[in-house]
Amino acid sequence: MMRYSEEGETLKDNTKCATIRANLKMCLLQSDCCKIYKRTPRECLRSKDKNVPDECYALHKTFFDCKHSIIDGRRRFRGPKGGY
């Protein structure tokens, strides 16, 4: 998995899914959908734009699973899904 962070950079947000969220955000911001067509990351995801890489959609699914595992009582004790 590609990481979208600089060397020595840390996140202010230390919640369980913060790293996945930051990677998703950077992936979307670096896509042609946001750069060239000047859309917001949310618009790019919702419109299923072909200029958004498949990796961003995979990160979106991983982020959803991570957030879902926090509130799902069955998975709460196993920890969040997704790679950190």
C-alpha atoms as a PDB file:
ATOM      1  CA  MET A   1       0.000   0.000   0.000  1.00  0.00           C
ATOM      2  CA  MET A   2       1.326   3.398  -0.907  1.00  0.00           C
ATOM      3  CA  ARG A   3       1.699   5.901   1.918  1.00  0.00           C
ATOM      4  CA  TYR A   4       0.950   9.560   1.274  1.00  0.00           C
ATOM      5  CA  SER A   5       3.046  11.173   3.985  1.00  0.00           C
ATOM      6  CA  GLU A   6       6.304  12.990   4.347  1.00  0.00           C
ATOM      7  CA  GLU A   7       9.271  11.632   6.295  1.00  0.00           C
ATOM      8  CA  GLY A   8       8.984  12.484  10.000  1.00  0.00           C
ATOM      9  CA  GLU A   9       5.469  13.883   9.635  1.00  0.00           C
ATOM     10  CA  THR A  10       2.951  13.014  12.348  1.00  0.00           C
ATOM     11  CA  LEU A  11      -0.815  13.374  12.461  1.00  0.00           C
ATOM     12  CA  LYS A  12      -2.507  15.580  15.037  1.00  0.00           C
ATOM     13  CA  ASP A  13      -5.483  13.232  14.996  1.00  0.00           C
ATOM     14  CA  ASN A  14      -4.599  10.062  16.925  1.00  0.00           C
ATOM     15  CA  THR A  15      -7.893   8.209  16.558  1.00  0.00           C
ATOM     16  CA  LYS A  16      -7.875   4.605  15.388  1.00  0.00           C
ATOM     17  CA  CYS A  17      -8.707   5.295  11.737  1.00  0.00           C
ATOM     18  CA  ALA A  18      -6.794   8.572  11.331  1.00  0.00           C
ATOM     19  CA  THR A  19      -3.965   7.116   9.253  1.00  0.00           C
ATOM     20  CA  ILE A  20      -6.337   5.502   6.771  1.00  0.00           C
ATOM     21  CA  ARG A  21      -8.354   8.724   6.558  1.00  0.00           C
ATOM     22  CA  ALA A  22      -5.217  10.779   5.866  1.00  0.00           C
ATOM     23  CA  ASN A  23      -4.078   8.341   3.167  1.00  0.00           C
ATOM     24  CA  LEU A  24      -7.536   8.456   1.544  1.00  0.00           C
ATOM     25  CA  LYS A  25      -7.552  12.246   1.637  1.00  0.00           C
ATOM     26  CA  MET A  26      -4.113  12.536   0.030  1.00  0.00           C
ATOM     27  CA  CYS A  27      -4.961   9.912  -2.585  1.00  0.00           C
ATOM     28  CA  LEU A  28      -8.063  11.835  -3.623  1.00  0.00           C
ATOM     29  CA  LEU A  29      -6.348  15.227  -3.587  1.00  0.00           C
ATOM     30  CA  GLN A  30      -3.591  13.903  -5.863  1.00  0.00           C
ATOM     31  CA  SER A  31      -6.057  12.407  -8.347  1.00  0.00           C
ATOM     32  CA  ASP A  32      -6.871  14.114 -11.640  1.00  0.00           C
ATOM     33  CA  CYS A  33     -10.464  14.520 -10.517  1.00  0.00           C
ATOM     34  CA  CYS A  34      -9.424  17.025  -7.827  1.00  0.00           C
ATOM     35  CA  LYS A  35      -6.380  18.505  -9.544  1.00  0.00           C
ATOM     36  CA  ILE A  36      -7.634  19.075 -13.075  1.00  0.00           C
ATOM     37  CA  TYR A  37     -11.421  19.173 -12.735  1.00  0.00           C
ATOM     38  CA  LYS A  38     -11.370  21.114  -9.427  1.00  0.00           C
ATOM     39  CA  ARG A  39     -13.902  18.901  -7.666  1.00  0.00           C
ATOM     40  CA  THR A  40     -13.959  18.171  -3.965  1.00  0.00           C
ATOM     41  CA  PRO A  41     -12.778  14.731  -2.822  1.00  0.00           C
ATOM     42  CA  ARG A  42     -16.323  13.908  -1.721  1.00  0.00           C
ATOM     43  CA  GLU A  43     -17.723  14.745  -5.163  1.00  0.00           C
ATOM     44  CA  CYS A  44     -15.084  12.575  -6.820  1.00  0.00           C
ATOM     45  CA  LEU A  45     -15.910   9.568  -4.638  1.00  0.00           C
ATOM     46  CA  ARG A  46     -19.676   9.911  -4.972  1.00  0.00           C
ATOM     47  CA  SER A  47     -19.651  10.403  -8.736  1.00  0.00           C
ATOM     48  CA  LYS A  48     -17.444   7.311  -9.201  1.00  0.00           C
ATOM     49  CA  ASP A  49     -15.214   9.399 -11.494  1.00  0.00           C
ATOM     50  CA  LYS A  50     -12.952   7.354 -13.777  1.00  0.00           C
ATOM     51  CA  ASN A  51     -10.064   9.728 -13.000  1.00  0.00           C
ATOM     52  CA  VAL A  52      -9.920   8.492  -9.402  1.00  0.00           C
ATOM     53  CA  PRO A  53      -7.454   5.584  -9.004  1.00  0.00           C
ATOM     54  CA  ASP A  54      -8.747   2.206  -7.801  1.00  0.00           C
ATOM     55  CA  GLU A  55      -6.426   2.560  -4.810  1.00  0.00           C
ATOM     56  CA  CYS A  56      -8.546   5.454  -3.531  1.00  0.00           C
ATOM     57  CA  TYR A  57     -11.695   3.336  -3.705  1.00  0.00           C
ATOM     58  CA  ALA A  58      -9.872   0.555  -1.834  1.00  0.00           C
ATOM     59  CA  LEU A  59      -8.808   3.050   0.852  1.00  0.00           C
ATOM     60  CA  HIS A  60     -12.407   4.282   1.067  1.00  0.00           C
ATOM     61  CA  LYS A  61     -13.632   0.717   1.691  1.00  0.00           C
ATOM     62  CA  THR A  62     -10.888   0.147   4.276  1.00  0.00           C
ATOM     63  CA  PHE A  63     -11.786   3.415   6.027  1.00  0.00           C
ATOM     64  CA  PHE A  64     -15.472   2.428   6.091  1.00  0.00           C
ATOM     65  CA  ASP A  65     -14.598  -0.991   7.562  1.00  0.00           C
ATOM     66  CA  CYS A  66     -12.366   0.640  10.174  1.00  0.00           C
ATOM     67  CA  LYS A  67     -15.071   3.087  11.288  1.00  0.00           C
ATOM     68  CA  HIS A  68     -17.666   0.318  11.285  1.00  0.00           C
ATOM     69  CA  SER A  69     -15.479  -1.919  13.445  1.00  0.00           C
ATOM     70  CA  ILE A  70     -15.279   0.789  16.117  1.00  0.00           C
ATOM     71  CA  ILE A  71     -19.036   0.865  16.628  1.00  0.00           C
ATOM     72  CA  ASP A  72     -19.683  -2.824  15.966  1.00  0.00           C
ATOM     73  CA  GLY A  73     -19.739  -4.567  19.339  1.00  0.00           C
ATOM     74  CA  ARG A  74     -18.692  -7.925  17.919  1.00  0.00           C
ATOM     75  CA  ARG A  75     -15.524  -6.500  16.368  1.00  0.00           C
ATOM     76  CA  ARG A  76     -14.729  -3.963  19.075  1.00  0.00           C
ATOM     77  CA  PHE A  77     -12.547  -6.405  20.988  1.00  0.00           C
ATOM     78  CA  ARG A  78     -10.714  -7.639  17.888  1.00  0.00           C
ATOM     79  CA  GLY A  79      -9.568  -4.171  16.846  1.00  0.00           C
ATOM     80  CA  PRO A  80     -10.162  -2.150  13.704  1.00  0.00           C
ATOM     81  CA  LYS A  81      -9.796  -3.668  10.280  1.00  0.00           C
ATOM     82  CA  GLY A  82      -7.308  -2.362   7.789  1.00  0.00           C
ATOM     83  CA  GLY A  83      -3.571  -2.011   7.573  1.00  0.00           C
ATOM     84  CA  TYR A  84      -1.762   0.642   9.506  1.00  0.00           C
END
